[in-house]
Amino acid sequence: RVLFRSLTVRETVLRDGGKGLLVWSWMRIGGHDTTSNAIGKLYQAGSKAMLRGDDGAALMLSAPFDEHPEAARAALRAFVGDNLKAIDAALAHAAAAH
């Protein structure tokens, strides 16, 4: 896991020969971010109990790399830094549409 400010993401490295793909993922459930399926279910149950529905989103970002994932990690960090507010706004808009 990688901590980005107050956002914790699950990091997965996929490899095929000499090529790699670094994937960061997390879930947004009831306005809460988590990487834990168990905690996500608790957020979902709490939201449903409060009659707010049980909507959620799985978010995944990826970047390719050749040998070492550091450059891909830096690219994802920069992307999240530049776009986290837009991601938050898009998720809020999608939640409001339901």
PDB file of N, CA and C in Angstrom:
ATOM      1  N   ARG A   1       0.834  -1.185   0.000  1.00  0.00           N
ATOM      2  CA  ARG A   1       0.000   0.000   0.000  1.00  0.00           C
ATOM      3  C   ARG A   1       0.875   1.243   0.000  1.00  0.00           C
ATOM      4  N   VAL A   2       0.375   2.272  -0.619  1.00  0.00           N
ATOM      5  CA  VAL A   2       1.114   3.527  -0.722  1.00  0.00           C
ATOM      6  C   VAL A   2       0.232   4.619  -0.140  1.00  0.00           C
ATOM      7  N   LEU A   3       0.781   5.418   0.772  1.00  0.00           N
ATOM      8  CA  LEU A   3       0.013   6.509   1.361  1.00  0.00           C
ATOM      9  C   LEU A   3       0.234   7.764   0.544  1.00  0.00           C
ATOM     10  N   PHE A   4      -0.864   8.350   0.049  1.00  0.00           N
ATOM     11  CA  PHE A   4      -0.781   9.604  -0.689  1.00  0.00           C
ATOM     12  C   PHE A   4      -1.641  10.608   0.056  1.00  0.00           C
ATOM     13  N   ARG A   5      -1.003  11.500   0.777  1.00  0.00           N
ATOM     14  CA  ARG A   5      -1.710  12.434   1.649  1.00  0.00           C
ATOM     15  C   ARG A   5      -2.663  11.635   2.533  1.00  0.00           C
ATOM     16  N   SER A   6      -3.958  11.868   2.391  1.00  0.00           N
ATOM     17  CA  SER A   6      -4.905  11.114   3.202  1.00  0.00           C
ATOM     18  C   SER A   6      -5.530   9.971   2.404  1.00  0.00           C
ATOM     19  N   LEU A   7      -5.001   9.686   1.237  1.00  0.00           N
ATOM     20  CA  LEU A   7      -5.526   8.629   0.391  1.00  0.00           C
ATOM     21  C   LEU A   7      -4.577   7.439   0.409  1.00  0.00           C
ATOM     22  N   THR A   8      -5.062   6.298   0.872  1.00  0.00           N
ATOM     23  CA  THR A   8      -4.280   5.069   0.841  1.00  0.00           C
ATOM     24  C   THR A   8      -4.761   4.246  -0.339  1.00  0.00           C
ATOM     25  N   VAL A   9      -3.830   3.735  -1.125  1.00  0.00           N
ATOM     26  CA  VAL A   9      -4.175   2.942  -2.301  1.00  0.00           C
ATOM     27  C   VAL A   9      -3.536   1.563  -2.180  1.00  0.00           C
ATOM     28  N   ARG A  10      -4.141   0.605  -2.847  1.00  0.00           N
ATOM     29  CA  ARG A  10      -3.552  -0.734  -2.969  1.00  0.00           C
ATOM     30  C   ARG A  10      -2.680  -0.714  -4.217  1.00  0.00           C
ATOM     31  N   GLU A  11      -1.447  -1.168  -4.077  1.00  0.00           N
ATOM     32  CA  GLU A  11      -0.538  -1.180  -5.218  1.00  0.00           C
ATOM     33  C   GLU A  11      -0.338  -2.620  -5.692  1.00  0.00           C
ATOM     34  N   THR A  12      -0.514  -2.822  -6.994  1.00  0.00           N
ATOM     35  CA  THR A  12      -0.323  -4.132  -7.608  1.00  0.00           C
ATOM     36  C   THR A  12       0.630  -3.971  -8.778  1.00  0.00           C
ATOM     37  N   VAL A  13       1.575  -4.890  -8.889  1.00  0.00           N
ATOM     38  CA  VAL A  13       2.515  -4.893 -10.003  1.00  0.00           C
ATOM     39  C   VAL A  13       2.202  -6.101 -10.876  1.00  0.00           C
ATOM     40  N   LEU A  14       1.920  -5.839 -12.146  1.00  0.00           N
ATOM     41  CA  LEU A  14       1.681  -6.891 -13.127  1.00  0.00           C
ATOM     42  C   LEU A  14       2.874  -6.924 -14.071  1.00  0.00           C
ATOM     43  N   ARG A  15       3.341  -8.124 -14.396  1.00  0.00           N
ATOM     44  CA  ARG A  15       4.507  -8.243 -15.294  1.00  0.00           C
ATOM     45  C   ARG A  15       4.217  -9.236 -16.403  1.00  0.00           C
ATOM     46  N   ASP A  16       4.752  -8.925 -17.577  1.00  0.00           N
ATOM     47  CA  ASP A  16       4.697  -9.820 -18.722  1.00  0.00           C
ATOM     48  C   ASP A  16       6.038  -9.692 -19.431  1.00  0.00           C
ATOM     49  N   GLY A  17       6.914 -10.635 -19.163  1.00  0.00           N
ATOM     50  CA  GLY A  17       8.267 -10.533 -19.715  1.00  0.00           C
ATOM     51  C   GLY A  17       8.994  -9.364 -19.089  1.00  0.00           C
ATOM     52  N   GLY A  18       9.552  -8.494 -19.903  1.00  0.00           N
ATOM     53  CA  GLY A  18      10.273  -7.335 -19.407  1.00  0.00           C
ATOM     54  C   GLY A  18       9.402  -6.117 -19.181  1.00  0.00           C
ATOM     55  N   LYS A  19       8.150  -6.203 -19.529  1.00  0.00           N
ATOM     56  CA  LYS A  19       7.226  -5.068 -19.371  1.00  0.00           C
ATOM     57  C   LYS A  19       6.427  -5.221 -18.084  1.00  0.00           C
ATOM     58  N   GLY A  20       6.065  -4.099 -17.500  1.00  0.00           N
ATOM     59  CA  GLY A  20       5.282  -4.124 -16.279  1.00  0.00           C
ATOM     60  C   GLY A  20       4.188  -3.074 -16.303  1.00  0.00           C
ATOM     61  N   LEU A  21       3.231  -3.272 -15.422  1.00  0.00           N
ATOM     62  CA  LEU A  21       2.141  -2.318 -15.252  1.00  0.00           C
ATOM     63  C   LEU A  21       1.928  -2.146 -13.759  1.00  0.00           C
ATOM     64  N   LEU A  22       2.016  -0.917 -13.290  1.00  0.00           N
ATOM     65  CA  LEU A  22       1.783  -0.599 -11.893  1.00  0.00           C
ATOM     66  C   LEU A  22       0.346  -0.125 -11.766  1.00  0.00           C
ATOM     67  N   VAL A  23      -0.422  -0.734 -10.874  1.00  0.00           N
ATOM     68  CA  VAL A  23      -1.833  -0.404 -10.704  1.00  0.00           C
ATOM     69  C   VAL A  23      -2.067   0.064  -9.275  1.00  0.00           C
ATOM     70  N   TRP A  24      -2.695   1.211  -9.143  1.00  0.00           N
ATOM     71  CA  TRP A  24      -3.158   1.695  -7.850  1.00  0.00           C
ATOM     72  C   TRP A  24      -4.677   1.582  -7.839  1.00  0.00           C
ATOM     73  N   SER A  25      -5.230   1.053  -6.749  1.00  0.00           N
ATOM     74  CA  SER A  25      -6.679   0.904  -6.674  1.00  0.00           C
ATOM     75  C   SER A  25      -7.174   1.203  -5.265  1.00  0.00           C
ATOM     76  N   TRP A  26      -8.423   1.635  -5.209  1.00  0.00           N
ATOM     77  CA  TRP A  26      -9.124   1.854  -3.953  1.00  0.00           C
ATOM     78  C   TRP A  26     -10.612   1.898  -4.244  1.00  0.00           C
ATOM     79  N   MET A  27     -11.406   1.909  -3.197  1.00  0.00           N
ATOM     80  CA  MET A  27     -12.863   1.974  -3.339  1.00  0.00           C
ATOM     81  C   MET A  27     -13.378   3.217  -2.637  1.00  0.00           C
ATOM     82  N   ARG A  28     -14.450   3.773  -3.171  1.00  0.00           N
ATOM     83  CA  ARG A  28     -15.159   4.879  -2.524  1.00  0.00           C
ATOM     84  C   ARG A  28     -16.568   4.385  -2.232  1.00  0.00           C
ATOM     85  N   ILE A  29     -16.896   4.261  -0.967  1.00  0.00           N
ATOM     86  CA  ILE A  29     -18.199   3.746  -0.552  1.00  0.00           C
ATOM     87  C   ILE A  29     -18.776   4.689   0.499  1.00  0.00           C
ATOM     88  N   GLY A  30     -19.952   5.205   0.212  1.00  0.00           N
ATOM     89  CA  GLY A  30     -20.598   6.115   1.157  1.00  0.00           C
ATOM     90  C   GLY A  30     -19.749   7.331   1.472  1.00  0.00           C
ATOM     91  N   GLY A  31     -18.956   7.790   0.501  1.00  0.00           N
ATOM     92  CA  GLY A  31     -18.111   8.959   0.707  1.00  0.00           C
ATOM     93  C   GLY A  31     -16.790   8.662   1.403  1.00  0.00           C
ATOM     94  N   HIS A  32     -16.530   7.392   1.695  1.00  0.00           N
ATOM     95  CA  HIS A  32     -15.301   6.987   2.376  1.00  0.00           C
ATOM     96  C   HIS A  32     -14.401   6.232   1.408  1.00  0.00           C
ATOM     97  N   ASP A  33     -13.101   6.501   1.475  1.00  0.00           N
ATOM     98  CA  ASP A  33     -12.125   5.764   0.682  1.00  0.00           C
ATOM     99  C   ASP A  33     -11.554   4.631   1.524  1.00  0.00           C
ATOM    100  N   THR A  34     -11.376   3.467   0.901  1.00  0.00           N
ATOM    101  CA  THR A  34     -10.787   2.325   1.593  1.00  0.00           C
ATOM    102  C   THR A  34     -10.130   1.382   0.591  1.00  0.00           C
ATOM    103  N   THR A  35      -9.181   0.610   1.068  1.00  0.00           N
ATOM    104  CA  THR A  35      -8.593  -0.463   0.266  1.00  0.00           C
ATOM    105  C   THR A  35      -9.021  -1.817   0.816  1.00  0.00           C
ATOM    106  N   SER A  36      -9.786  -1.805   1.887  1.00  0.00           N
ATOM    107  CA  SER A  36     -10.205  -3.038   2.558  1.00  0.00           C
ATOM    108  C   SER A  36     -11.610  -3.441   2.133  1.00  0.00           C
ATOM    109  N   ASN A  37     -11.739  -4.670   1.641  1.00  0.00           N
ATOM    110  CA  ASN A  37     -13.068  -5.172   1.282  1.00  0.00           C
ATOM    111  C   ASN A  37     -13.974  -5.247   2.510  1.00  0.00           C
ATOM    112  N   ALA A  38     -13.426  -5.666   3.648  1.00  0.00           N
ATOM    113  CA  ALA A  38     -14.221  -5.785   4.879  1.00  0.00           C
ATOM    114  C   ALA A  38     -14.713  -4.417   5.350  1.00  0.00           C
ATOM    115  N   ILE A  39     -13.826  -3.433   5.369  1.00  0.00           N
ATOM    116  CA  ILE A  39     -14.223  -2.080   5.774  1.00  0.00           C
ATOM    117  C   ILE A  39     -15.217  -1.517   4.766  1.00  0.00           C
ATOM    118  N   GLY A  40     -15.011  -1.795   3.494  1.00  0.00           N
ATOM    119  CA  GLY A  40     -15.954  -1.354   2.463  1.00  0.00           C
ATOM    120  C   GLY A  40     -17.342  -1.896   2.712  1.00  0.00           C
ATOM    121  N   LYS A  41     -17.434  -3.167   3.100  1.00  0.00           N
ATOM    122  CA  LYS A  41     -18.740  -3.766   3.410  1.00  0.00           C
ATOM    123  C   LYS A  41     -19.375  -3.081   4.619  1.00  0.00           C
ATOM    124  N   LEU A  42     -18.569  -2.716   5.606  1.00  0.00           N
ATOM    125  CA  LEU A  42     -19.105  -2.002   6.770  1.00  0.00           C
ATOM    126  C   LEU A  42     -19.633  -0.621   6.373  1.00  0.00           C
ATOM    127  N   TYR A  43     -18.877   0.094   5.536  1.00  0.00           N
ATOM    128  CA  TYR A  43     -19.354   1.388   5.039  1.00  0.00           C
ATOM    129  C   TYR A  43     -20.659   1.209   4.259  1.00  0.00           C
ATOM    130  N   GLN A  44     -20.709   0.176   3.434  1.00  0.00           N
ATOM    131  CA  GLN A  44     -21.892  -0.095   2.625  1.00  0.00           C
ATOM    132  C   GLN A  44     -23.097  -0.400   3.519  1.00  0.00           C
ATOM    133  N   ALA A  45     -22.906  -1.237   4.527  1.00  0.00           N
ATOM    134  CA  ALA A  45     -24.002  -1.581   5.442  1.00  0.00           C
ATOM    135  C   ALA A  45     -24.465  -0.360   6.223  1.00  0.00           C
ATOM    136  N   GLY A  46     -23.522   0.459   6.693  1.00  0.00           N
ATOM    137  CA  GLY A  46     -23.876   1.663   7.436  1.00  0.00           C
ATOM    138  C   GLY A  46     -24.650   2.644   6.576  1.00  0.00           C
ATOM    139  N   SER A  47     -24.220   2.813   5.350  1.00  0.00           N
ATOM    140  CA  SER A  47     -24.898   3.724   4.438  1.00  0.00           C
ATOM    141  C   SER A  47     -26.310   3.233   4.136  1.00  0.00           C
ATOM    142  N   LYS A  48     -26.426   1.934   3.931  1.00  0.00           N
ATOM    143  CA  LYS A  48     -27.738   1.355   3.648  1.00  0.00           C
ATOM    144  C   LYS A  48     -28.659   1.474   4.867  1.00  0.00           C
ATOM    145  N   ALA A  49     -28.117   1.272   6.060  1.00  0.00           N
ATOM    146  CA  ALA A  49     -28.900   1.395   7.294  1.00  0.00           C
ATOM    147  C   ALA A  49     -29.400   2.823   7.512  1.00  0.00           C
ATOM    148  N   MET A  50     -28.628   3.799   7.022  1.00  0.00           N
ATOM    149  CA  MET A  50     -29.022   5.205   7.156  1.00  0.00           C
ATOM    150  C   MET A  50     -29.904   5.643   5.981  1.00  0.00           C
ATOM    151  N   LEU A  51     -30.345   4.668   5.181  1.00  0.00           N
ATOM    152  CA  LEU A  51     -31.227   4.890   4.025  1.00  0.00           C
ATOM    153  C   LEU A  51     -30.596   5.784   2.963  1.00  0.00           C
ATOM    154  N   ARG A  52     -29.272   5.689   2.815  1.00  0.00           N
ATOM    155  CA  ARG A  52     -28.564   6.455   1.791  1.00  0.00           C
ATOM    156  C   ARG A  52     -28.209   5.598   0.574  1.00  0.00           C
ATOM    157  N   GLY A  53     -28.652   4.362   0.568  1.00  0.00           N
ATOM    158  CA  GLY A  53     -28.309   3.456  -0.527  1.00  0.00           C
ATOM    159  C   GLY A  53     -26.996   2.767  -0.261  1.00  0.00           C
ATOM    160  N   ASP A  54     -26.570   1.964  -1.208  1.00  0.00           N
ATOM    161  CA  ASP A  54     -25.321   1.224  -1.018  1.00  0.00           C
ATOM    162  C   ASP A  54     -24.389   1.375  -2.218  1.00  0.00           C
ATOM    163  N   ASP A  55     -24.439   2.536  -2.866  1.00  0.00           N
ATOM    164  CA  ASP A  55     -23.582   2.783  -4.029  1.00  0.00           C
ATOM    165  C   ASP A  55     -22.114   2.833  -3.625  1.00  0.00           C
ATOM    166  N   GLY A  56     -21.284   2.442  -4.540  1.00  0.00           N
ATOM    167  CA  GLY A  56     -19.845   2.505  -4.328  1.00  0.00           C
ATOM    168  C   GLY A  56     -19.147   2.546  -5.668  1.00  0.00           C
ATOM    169  N   ALA A  57     -17.861   2.825  -5.629  1.00  0.00           N
ATOM    170  CA  ALA A  57     -17.064   2.878  -6.853  1.00  0.00           C
ATOM    171  C   ALA A  57     -15.712   2.231  -6.593  1.00  0.00           C
ATOM    172  N   ALA A  58     -15.247   1.476  -7.566  1.00  0.00           N
ATOM    173  CA  ALA A  58     -13.886   0.939  -7.544  1.00  0.00           C
ATOM    174  C   ALA A  58     -13.059   1.809  -8.486  1.00  0.00           C
ATOM    175  N   LEU A  59     -11.954   2.320  -7.988  1.00  0.00           N
ATOM    176  CA  LEU A  59     -11.104   3.203  -8.785  1.00  0.00           C
ATOM    177  C   LEU A  59      -9.767   2.526  -9.023  1.00  0.00           C
ATOM    178  N   MET A  60      -9.314   2.569 -10.273  1.00  0.00           N
ATOM    179  CA  MET A  60      -8.041   1.961 -10.634  1.00  0.00           C
ATOM    180  C   MET A  60      -7.290   2.881 -11.591  1.00  0.00           C
ATOM    181  N   LEU A  61      -6.036   3.117 -11.275  1.00  0.00           N
ATOM    182  CA  LEU A  61      -5.148   3.900 -12.119  1.00  0.00           C
ATOM    183  C   LEU A  61      -3.935   3.035 -12.434  1.00  0.00           C
ATOM    184  N   SER A  62      -3.417   3.154 -13.640  1.00  0.00           N
ATOM    185  CA  SER A  62      -2.260   2.333 -13.983  1.00  0.00           C
ATOM    186  C   SER A  62      -1.256   3.131 -14.798  1.00  0.00           C
ATOM    187  N   ALA A  63      -0.009   2.664 -14.728  1.00  0.00           N
ATOM    188  CA  ALA A  63       1.074   3.261 -15.513  1.00  0.00           C
ATOM    189  C   ALA A  63       2.047   2.147 -15.899  1.00  0.00           C
ATOM    190  N   PRO A  64       2.488   2.130 -17.152  1.00  0.00           N
ATOM    191  CA  PRO A  64       3.430   1.103 -17.591  1.00  0.00           C
ATOM    192  C   PRO A  64       4.860   1.418 -17.134  1.00  0.00           C
ATOM    193  N   PHE A  65       5.679   0.371 -17.051  1.00  0.00           N
ATOM    194  CA  PHE A  65       7.103   0.562 -16.776  1.00  0.00           C
ATOM    195  C   PHE A  65       7.886  -0.575 -17.427  1.00  0.00           C
ATOM    196  N   ASP A  66       9.193  -0.339 -17.630  1.00  0.00           N
ATOM    197  CA  ASP A  66      10.036  -1.355 -18.256  1.00  0.00           C
ATOM    198  C   ASP A  66      10.678  -2.273 -17.215  1.00  0.00           C
ATOM    199  N   GLU A  67      11.613  -1.745 -16.418  1.00  0.00           N
ATOM    200  CA  GLU A  67      12.310  -2.597 -15.459  1.00  0.00           C
ATOM    201  C   GLU A  67      11.948  -2.292 -14.013  1.00  0.00           C
ATOM    202  N   HIS A  68      11.921  -1.020 -13.672  1.00  0.00           N
ATOM    203  CA  HIS A  68      11.693  -0.624 -12.284  1.00  0.00           C
ATOM    204  C   HIS A  68      10.450   0.271 -12.210  1.00  0.00           C
ATOM    205  N   PRO A  69       9.585   0.047 -11.229  1.00  0.00           N
ATOM    206  CA  PRO A  69       8.314   0.785 -11.170  1.00  0.00           C
ATOM    207  C   PRO A  69       8.401   2.204 -10.610  1.00  0.00           C
ATOM    208  N   GLU A  70       9.585   2.687 -10.241  1.00  0.00           N
ATOM    209  CA  GLU A  70       9.675   4.011  -9.603  1.00  0.00           C
ATOM    210  C   GLU A  70       9.131   5.127 -10.490  1.00  0.00           C
ATOM    211  N   ALA A  71       9.431   5.088 -11.796  1.00  0.00           N
ATOM    212  CA  ALA A  71       8.932   6.139 -12.693  1.00  0.00           C
ATOM    213  C   ALA A  71       7.417   6.067 -12.823  1.00  0.00           C
ATOM    214  N   ALA A  72       6.871   4.854 -12.863  1.00  0.00           N
ATOM    215  CA  ALA A  72       5.420   4.697 -12.931  1.00  0.00           C
ATOM    216  C   ALA A  72       4.774   5.196 -11.645  1.00  0.00           C
ATOM    217  N   ARG A  73       5.410   4.912 -10.513  1.00  0.00           N
ATOM    218  CA  ARG A  73       4.904   5.380  -9.220  1.00  0.00           C
ATOM    219  C   ARG A  73       4.889   6.915  -9.184  1.00  0.00           C
ATOM    220  N   ALA A  74       5.940   7.531  -9.683  1.00  0.00           N
ATOM    221  CA  ALA A  74       6.010   9.000  -9.722  1.00  0.00           C
ATOM    222  C   ALA A  74       4.932   9.560 -10.642  1.00  0.00           C
ATOM    223  N   ALA A  75       4.693   8.901 -11.780  1.00  0.00           N
ATOM    224  CA  ALA A  75       3.652   9.362 -12.706  1.00  0.00           C
ATOM    225  C   ALA A  75       2.272   9.263 -12.060  1.00  0.00           C
ATOM    226  N   LEU A  76       2.005   8.174 -11.349  1.00  0.00           N
ATOM    227  CA  LEU A  76       0.706   8.037 -10.681  1.00  0.00           C
ATOM    228  C   LEU A  76       0.556   9.054  -9.561  1.00  0.00           C
ATOM    229  N   ARG A  77       1.633   9.265  -8.819  1.00  0.00           N
ATOM    230  CA  ARG A  77       1.591  10.261  -7.735  1.00  0.00           C
ATOM    231  C   ARG A  77       1.271  11.644  -8.303  1.00  0.00           C
ATOM    232  N   ALA A  78       1.898  12.000  -9.411  1.00  0.00           N
ATOM    233  CA  ALA A  78       1.650  13.301 -10.046  1.00  0.00           C
ATOM    234  C   ALA A  78       0.216  13.378 -10.562  1.00  0.00           C
ATOM    235  N   PHE A  79      -0.265  12.298 -11.180  1.00  0.00           N
ATOM    236  CA  PHE A  79      -1.629  12.288 -11.705  1.00  0.00           C
ATOM    237  C   PHE A  79      -2.645  12.476 -10.580  1.00  0.00           C
ATOM    238  N   VAL A  80      -2.468  11.736  -9.498  1.00  0.00           N
ATOM    239  CA  VAL A  80      -3.394  11.865  -8.364  1.00  0.00           C
ATOM    240  C   VAL A  80      -3.316  13.268  -7.785  1.00  0.00           C
ATOM    241  N   GLY A  81      -2.105  13.798  -7.642  1.00  0.00           N
ATOM    242  CA  GLY A  81      -1.949  15.153  -7.119  1.00  0.00           C
ATOM    243  C   GLY A  81      -2.659  16.193  -7.967  1.00  0.00           C
ATOM    244  N   ASP A  82      -2.600  16.019  -9.275  1.00  0.00           N
ATOM    245  CA  ASP A  82      -3.224  16.971 -10.190  1.00  0.00           C
ATOM    246  C   ASP A  82      -4.719  16.755 -10.360  1.00  0.00           C
ATOM    247  N   ASN A  83      -5.209  15.541 -10.122  1.00  0.00           N
ATOM    248  CA  ASN A  83      -6.582  15.210 -10.503  1.00  0.00           C
ATOM    249  C   ASN A  83      -7.488  14.698  -9.388  1.00  0.00           C
ATOM    250  N   LEU A  84      -6.989  14.630  -8.151  1.00  0.00           N
ATOM    251  CA  LEU A  84      -7.821  14.080  -7.084  1.00  0.00           C
ATOM    252  C   LEU A  84      -9.095  14.892  -6.867  1.00  0.00           C
ATOM    253  N   LYS A  85      -9.005  16.205  -6.960  1.00  0.00           N
ATOM    254  CA  LYS A  85     -10.207  17.034  -6.806  1.00  0.00           C
ATOM    255  C   LYS A  85     -11.207  16.760  -7.923  1.00  0.00           C
ATOM    256  N   ALA A  86     -10.730  16.563  -9.137  1.00  0.00           N
ATOM    257  CA  ALA A  86     -11.623  16.248 -10.259  1.00  0.00           C
ATOM    258  C   ALA A  86     -12.244  14.863 -10.094  1.00  0.00           C
ATOM    259  N   ILE A  87     -11.463  13.916  -9.592  1.00  0.00           N
ATOM    260  CA  ILE A  87     -11.996  12.576  -9.319  1.00  0.00           C
ATOM    261  C   ILE A  87     -13.084  12.662  -8.262  1.00  0.00           C
ATOM    262  N   ASP A  88     -12.807  13.400  -7.178  1.00  0.00           N
ATOM    263  CA  ASP A  88     -13.805  13.594  -6.120  1.00  0.00           C
ATOM    264  C   ASP A  88     -15.082  14.219  -6.674  1.00  0.00           C
ATOM    265  N   ALA A  89     -14.938  15.232  -7.523  1.00  0.00           N
ATOM    266  CA  ALA A  89     -16.106  15.918  -8.095  1.00  0.00           C
ATOM    267  C   ALA A  89     -16.906  14.980  -8.991  1.00  0.00           C
ATOM    268  N   ALA A  90     -16.216  14.176  -9.796  1.00  0.00           N
ATOM    269  CA  ALA A  90     -16.908  13.239 -10.685  1.00  0.00           C
ATOM    270  C   ALA A  90     -17.680  12.185  -9.884  1.00  0.00           C
ATOM    271  N   LEU A  91     -17.082  11.703  -8.812  1.00  0.00           N
ATOM    272  CA  LEU A  91     -17.756  10.709  -7.966  1.00  0.00           C
ATOM    273  C   LEU A  91     -18.955  11.329  -7.241  1.00  0.00           C
ATOM    274  N   ALA A  92     -18.804  12.565  -6.771  1.00  0.00           N
ATOM    275  CA  ALA A  92     -19.917  13.242  -6.101  1.00  0.00           C
ATOM    276  C   ALA A  92     -21.050  13.481  -7.086  1.00  0.00           C
ATOM    277  N   HIS A  93     -20.717  13.858  -8.310  1.00  0.00           N
ATOM    278  CA  HIS A  93     -21.739  14.092  -9.343  1.00  0.00           C
ATOM    279  C   HIS A  93     -22.472  12.791  -9.661  1.00  0.00           C
ATOM    280  N   ALA A  94     -21.728  11.693  -9.775  1.00  0.00           N
ATOM    281  CA  ALA A  94     -22.341  10.396 -10.066  1.00  0.00           C
ATOM    282  C   ALA A  94     -23.247   9.950  -8.919  1.00  0.00           C
ATOM    283  N   ALA A  95     -22.824  10.189  -7.679  1.00  0.00           N
ATOM    284  CA  ALA A  95     -23.640   9.815  -6.521  1.00  0.00           C
ATOM    285  C   ALA A  95     -24.918  10.648  -6.463  1.00  0.00           C
ATOM    286  N   ALA A  96     -24.802  11.932  -6.799  1.00  0.00           N
ATOM    287  CA  ALA A  96     -25.981  12.806  -6.764  1.00  0.00           C
ATOM    288  C   ALA A  96     -26.990  12.456  -7.861  1.00  0.00           C
ATOM    289  N   ALA A  97     -26.511  11.852  -8.948  1.00  0.00           N
ATOM    290  CA  ALA A  97     -27.399  11.495 -10.052  1.00  0.00           C
ATOM    291  C   ALA A  97     -28.292  10.297  -9.732  1.00  0.00           C
ATOM    292  N   HIS A  98     -27.948   9.570  -8.678  1.00  0.00           N
ATOM    293  CA  HIS A  98     -28.761   8.400  -8.308  1.00  0.00           C
ATOM    294  C   HIS A  98     -29.828   8.795  -7.381  1.00  0.00           C
TER     295      HIS A  98
END
